[in-house]
N, C-alpha and C. Protein backbone atom coordinates (compact mmCIF):
# COMPACT_ATOMS: atom_id res chain seq x y z
N MET A 1 253.21 -33.74 -157.44
CA MET A 1 252.90 -32.61 -156.38
C MET A 1 251.85 -33.24 -155.40
N ALA A 2 251.99 -32.98 -154.24
CA ALA A 2 250.96 -33.42 -153.14
C ALA A 2 249.65 -32.66 -153.26
N GLU A 3 248.63 -33.40 -153.12
CA GLU A 3 247.25 -32.77 -153.20
C GLU A 3 247.09 -31.94 -151.95
N ARG A 4 246.65 -30.63 -152.05
CA ARG A 4 246.27 -29.77 -150.93
C ARG A 4 244.77 -29.85 -150.75
N PHE A 5 244.32 -29.96 -149.48
CA PHE A 5 242.91 -30.02 -149.22
C PHE A 5 242.39 -28.65 -148.74
N ASN A 6 241.15 -28.45 -149.03
CA ASN A 6 240.45 -27.20 -148.61
C ASN A 6 240.05 -27.28 -147.09
N GLU A 7 239.96 -28.51 -146.66
CA GLU A 7 239.63 -28.73 -145.18
C GLU A 7 240.39 -29.86 -144.74
N CYS A 8 240.31 -29.98 -143.41
CA CYS A 8 241.10 -30.93 -142.53
C CYS A 8 240.58 -32.38 -143.11
N VAL A 9 241.54 -33.22 -143.25
CA VAL A 9 241.24 -34.65 -143.71
C VAL A 9 240.52 -35.30 -142.68
N PHE A 10 240.66 -34.99 -141.43
CA PHE A 10 240.03 -35.58 -140.34
C PHE A 10 238.46 -35.08 -140.20
N CYS A 11 238.31 -33.73 -140.49
CA CYS A 11 237.00 -33.21 -140.45
C CYS A 11 236.12 -33.83 -141.48
N ARG A 12 236.64 -34.21 -142.57
CA ARG A 12 235.93 -34.90 -143.62
C ARG A 12 235.35 -36.32 -143.20
N SER A 13 235.92 -36.85 -142.17
CA SER A 13 235.51 -38.21 -141.74
C SER A 13 234.75 -38.09 -140.41
N ALA A 14 234.42 -36.95 -139.88
CA ALA A 14 233.92 -36.79 -138.71
C ALA A 14 232.58 -37.41 -138.48
N ASN A 15 231.75 -37.42 -139.65
CA ASN A 15 230.45 -38.00 -139.45
C ASN A 15 230.35 -39.59 -139.58
N SER A 16 231.50 -40.05 -139.87
CA SER A 16 231.55 -41.62 -140.05
C SER A 16 232.47 -42.13 -138.89
N GLY A 17 232.60 -41.47 -137.83
CA GLY A 17 233.41 -41.94 -136.61
C GLY A 17 232.69 -42.90 -135.75
N LEU A 18 233.36 -43.53 -134.88
CA LEU A 18 232.87 -44.57 -133.99
C LEU A 18 232.12 -44.09 -132.92
N TRP A 19 232.44 -42.83 -132.49
CA TRP A 19 231.82 -42.14 -131.29
C TRP A 19 232.03 -40.65 -131.58
N ARG A 20 231.04 -39.83 -131.00
CA ARG A 20 231.08 -38.41 -131.04
C ARG A 20 230.56 -37.85 -129.77
N GLY A 21 231.52 -36.92 -129.20
CA GLY A 21 231.01 -36.24 -127.95
C GLY A 21 230.78 -34.71 -128.42
N ALA A 22 230.82 -33.88 -127.33
CA ALA A 22 230.67 -32.31 -127.52
C ALA A 22 231.93 -31.71 -128.19
N ASN A 23 233.11 -32.22 -127.97
CA ASN A 23 234.27 -31.73 -128.37
C ASN A 23 235.25 -32.63 -129.25
N PHE A 24 234.87 -33.89 -129.18
CA PHE A 24 235.85 -34.84 -129.89
C PHE A 24 235.02 -35.95 -130.53
N TYR A 25 235.71 -36.53 -131.60
CA TYR A 25 235.22 -37.77 -132.09
C TYR A 25 236.27 -38.81 -132.31
N VAL A 26 235.95 -39.94 -132.36
CA VAL A 26 236.91 -41.10 -132.53
C VAL A 26 236.65 -41.90 -133.85
N LEU A 27 237.88 -41.95 -134.53
CA LEU A 27 237.87 -42.64 -135.86
C LEU A 27 238.79 -43.78 -135.80
N LEU A 28 238.49 -44.85 -136.68
CA LEU A 28 239.44 -45.90 -136.96
C LEU A 28 240.54 -45.25 -137.85
N ASP A 29 241.77 -45.62 -137.69
CA ASP A 29 242.83 -45.08 -138.67
C ASP A 29 242.70 -45.75 -139.92
N ILE A 30 242.74 -45.26 -140.94
CA ILE A 30 242.75 -45.93 -142.30
C ILE A 30 244.07 -46.54 -142.60
N ALA A 31 245.10 -46.18 -141.85
CA ALA A 31 246.50 -46.93 -142.04
C ALA A 31 246.95 -47.28 -140.62
N PRO A 32 246.14 -48.26 -139.83
CA PRO A 32 246.62 -48.58 -138.58
C PRO A 32 248.01 -49.07 -138.30
N MET A 33 248.65 -48.53 -137.30
CA MET A 33 249.99 -49.00 -136.84
C MET A 33 249.90 -50.38 -136.26
N MET A 34 248.80 -50.74 -135.73
CA MET A 34 248.49 -52.04 -135.12
C MET A 34 246.97 -52.37 -134.92
N GLU A 35 246.73 -53.47 -134.55
CA GLU A 35 245.16 -53.78 -134.37
C GLU A 35 244.71 -52.81 -133.21
N GLY A 36 243.57 -52.24 -133.45
CA GLY A 36 242.91 -51.30 -132.48
C GLY A 36 243.20 -49.94 -132.60
N HIS A 37 244.18 -49.54 -133.49
CA HIS A 37 244.73 -48.09 -133.67
C HIS A 37 243.46 -47.21 -133.86
N LEU A 38 243.24 -46.22 -133.03
CA LEU A 38 242.18 -45.22 -133.05
C LEU A 38 242.76 -43.93 -133.20
N LEU A 39 241.99 -42.96 -133.61
CA LEU A 39 242.39 -41.49 -133.64
C LEU A 39 241.23 -40.80 -132.84
N ILE A 40 241.66 -40.00 -131.93
CA ILE A 40 240.76 -39.14 -131.12
C ILE A 40 241.04 -37.74 -131.74
N CYS A 41 239.89 -37.20 -132.52
CA CYS A 41 240.11 -35.91 -133.13
C CYS A 41 239.20 -34.83 -132.48
N SER A 42 239.74 -33.56 -132.43
CA SER A 42 238.94 -32.57 -131.80
C SER A 42 237.94 -32.05 -132.88
N ALA A 43 236.81 -31.55 -132.43
CA ALA A 43 235.87 -30.97 -133.31
C ALA A 43 236.36 -29.53 -133.85
N ASP A 44 236.97 -28.89 -132.88
CA ASP A 44 237.64 -27.59 -133.28
C ASP A 44 239.13 -27.84 -133.51
N HIS A 45 239.68 -26.98 -134.22
CA HIS A 45 241.14 -27.21 -134.50
C HIS A 45 242.00 -26.52 -133.40
N TYR A 46 242.92 -27.27 -132.74
CA TYR A 46 243.80 -26.85 -131.71
C TYR A 46 245.16 -27.26 -132.27
N PRO A 47 246.10 -26.35 -132.01
CA PRO A 47 247.56 -26.78 -132.46
C PRO A 47 248.01 -27.99 -131.72
N SER A 48 247.58 -28.21 -130.36
CA SER A 48 248.01 -29.21 -129.72
C SER A 48 247.09 -29.35 -128.42
N ALA A 49 247.22 -30.65 -127.72
CA ALA A 49 246.39 -30.75 -126.49
C ALA A 49 246.58 -29.71 -125.53
N ALA A 50 247.76 -29.13 -125.45
CA ALA A 50 248.07 -28.09 -124.54
C ALA A 50 247.18 -26.81 -124.66
N ASP A 51 246.59 -26.65 -125.80
CA ASP A 51 245.78 -25.53 -126.17
C ASP A 51 244.38 -25.71 -126.11
N LEU A 52 244.04 -26.89 -125.46
CA LEU A 52 242.43 -27.16 -125.26
C LEU A 52 241.89 -26.19 -124.18
N SER A 53 240.57 -26.02 -124.37
CA SER A 53 239.87 -25.29 -123.27
C SER A 53 239.83 -26.21 -122.10
N ALA A 54 239.51 -25.69 -120.92
CA ALA A 54 239.33 -26.56 -119.71
C ALA A 54 238.22 -27.62 -120.02
N GLU A 55 237.16 -27.34 -120.57
CA GLU A 55 236.04 -28.03 -120.90
C GLU A 55 236.48 -29.32 -121.80
N ALA A 56 237.14 -28.90 -122.96
CA ALA A 56 237.60 -29.95 -123.89
C ALA A 56 238.77 -30.78 -123.22
N ALA A 57 239.61 -30.21 -122.40
CA ALA A 57 240.58 -31.11 -121.78
C ALA A 57 239.89 -32.15 -120.83
N THR A 58 238.81 -31.69 -120.16
CA THR A 58 238.22 -32.68 -119.18
C THR A 58 237.56 -33.74 -120.08
N GLU A 59 236.86 -33.39 -121.12
CA GLU A 59 236.27 -34.39 -121.93
C GLU A 59 237.44 -35.33 -122.50
N LEU A 60 238.52 -34.83 -123.02
CA LEU A 60 239.51 -35.71 -123.52
C LEU A 60 240.09 -36.59 -122.36
N ASP A 61 240.24 -36.12 -121.17
CA ASP A 61 240.60 -37.13 -120.02
C ASP A 61 239.62 -38.16 -119.91
N THR A 62 238.44 -37.87 -120.01
CA THR A 62 237.34 -38.82 -119.90
C THR A 62 237.33 -39.88 -120.98
N ILE A 63 237.52 -39.38 -122.19
CA ILE A 63 237.64 -40.36 -123.36
C ILE A 63 238.78 -41.28 -123.31
N CYS A 64 239.92 -40.70 -122.86
CA CYS A 64 241.16 -41.55 -122.75
C CYS A 64 241.01 -42.51 -121.63
N ALA A 65 240.43 -42.25 -120.50
CA ALA A 65 240.15 -43.20 -119.40
C ALA A 65 239.14 -44.19 -119.87
N TRP A 66 238.13 -43.95 -120.59
CA TRP A 66 237.04 -44.84 -121.06
C TRP A 66 237.78 -45.76 -122.09
N LEU A 67 238.64 -45.30 -123.04
CA LEU A 67 239.21 -46.11 -123.97
C LEU A 67 240.33 -46.95 -123.32
N ARG A 68 241.10 -46.36 -122.27
CA ARG A 68 242.18 -47.14 -121.57
C ARG A 68 241.40 -48.27 -120.91
N SER A 69 240.37 -48.26 -120.30
CA SER A 69 239.70 -49.52 -119.69
C SER A 69 239.31 -50.40 -120.59
N LEU A 70 238.80 -49.98 -121.83
CA LEU A 70 238.35 -50.90 -122.93
C LEU A 70 239.63 -51.71 -123.44
N TYR A 71 240.68 -50.91 -123.63
CA TYR A 71 241.92 -51.46 -124.22
C TYR A 71 242.64 -52.34 -123.29
N LEU A 72 242.58 -52.00 -122.03
CA LEU A 72 243.29 -52.95 -121.05
C LEU A 72 242.69 -54.18 -121.09
N HIS A 73 241.30 -54.22 -121.20
CA HIS A 73 240.38 -55.39 -121.04
C HIS A 73 240.83 -56.30 -122.34
N GLU A 74 240.58 -55.67 -123.47
CA GLU A 74 240.67 -56.28 -124.80
C GLU A 74 242.16 -56.67 -125.09
N TYR A 75 243.06 -55.73 -125.02
CA TYR A 75 244.52 -55.84 -125.53
C TYR A 75 245.59 -56.05 -124.29
N GLY A 76 245.15 -55.63 -123.24
CA GLY A 76 246.12 -55.72 -121.99
C GLY A 76 247.11 -54.63 -122.00
N VAL A 77 246.87 -53.65 -122.88
CA VAL A 77 247.82 -52.54 -122.96
C VAL A 77 246.95 -51.18 -123.63
N PHE A 78 247.42 -50.08 -123.25
CA PHE A 78 246.89 -48.97 -123.85
C PHE A 78 248.01 -47.91 -123.92
N THR A 79 248.17 -47.32 -125.12
CA THR A 79 249.16 -46.17 -125.33
C THR A 79 248.48 -44.98 -125.98
N GLY A 80 248.69 -43.83 -125.46
CA GLY A 80 248.19 -42.60 -125.96
C GLY A 80 249.34 -41.77 -126.45
N PHE A 81 249.12 -41.07 -127.64
CA PHE A 81 250.24 -40.27 -128.17
C PHE A 81 249.61 -39.14 -128.83
N GLU A 82 249.93 -37.99 -128.65
CA GLU A 82 249.41 -36.68 -129.17
C GLU A 82 250.52 -36.04 -129.94
N HIS A 83 250.16 -35.69 -131.33
CA HIS A 83 251.18 -35.12 -132.18
C HIS A 83 250.70 -33.93 -132.82
N GLY A 84 249.44 -33.40 -132.37
CA GLY A 84 248.99 -32.15 -132.99
C GLY A 84 248.46 -32.38 -134.41
N ARG A 85 248.26 -31.30 -134.98
CA ARG A 85 247.67 -31.43 -136.41
C ARG A 85 248.58 -31.04 -137.56
N THR A 86 249.79 -30.59 -137.27
CA THR A 86 250.75 -30.09 -138.27
C THR A 86 250.77 -31.30 -139.40
N GLY A 87 250.68 -30.77 -140.56
CA GLY A 87 250.83 -31.64 -141.77
C GLY A 87 249.54 -32.24 -142.15
N HIS A 88 248.41 -32.24 -141.26
CA HIS A 88 247.26 -32.75 -141.74
C HIS A 88 246.07 -31.75 -142.12
N CYS A 89 246.23 -30.56 -141.64
CA CYS A 89 245.41 -29.47 -141.97
C CYS A 89 246.02 -28.33 -142.55
N VAL A 90 245.30 -27.75 -143.51
CA VAL A 90 245.87 -26.54 -144.13
C VAL A 90 245.64 -25.40 -143.26
N ARG A 91 246.50 -24.49 -142.97
CA ARG A 91 246.23 -23.32 -142.25
C ARG A 91 245.23 -22.44 -143.00
N LEU A 92 244.27 -21.82 -142.30
CA LEU A 92 243.33 -20.92 -142.93
C LEU A 92 243.85 -19.58 -142.99
N THR A 93 244.73 -19.09 -142.32
CA THR A 93 245.28 -17.79 -142.35
C THR A 93 246.77 -17.87 -142.08
N PRO A 94 247.51 -16.90 -142.49
CA PRO A 94 249.11 -17.10 -142.18
C PRO A 94 249.34 -16.95 -140.76
N ASP A 95 248.42 -16.43 -139.84
CA ASP A 95 248.74 -16.29 -138.47
C ASP A 95 248.31 -17.74 -137.59
N GLU A 96 247.61 -18.56 -138.23
CA GLU A 96 247.18 -19.79 -137.64
C GLU A 96 248.43 -20.68 -137.52
N HIS A 97 248.59 -21.32 -136.36
CA HIS A 97 249.76 -22.14 -136.06
C HIS A 97 249.23 -23.59 -136.11
């Protein structure tokens, strides 16, 4: 049986991240798909990027622009992908999506 966590697996790693802002932190992926694979995690839980506050969305855009410039310089390519948190966090209430 799969282990169930009492808190988000990403939240448990928040203090060991590479960078932390007001609404997000950046982590190295423990199972990278390729060299340079990072995770941008929100400090608060949102079902998807579409649900971010205006302030958080602005910060995410700024982080992505910063990482894009770094990655284009280092790797010549940058890809961003958002898949929400389904499967990684346990819902705290039945109403939470």
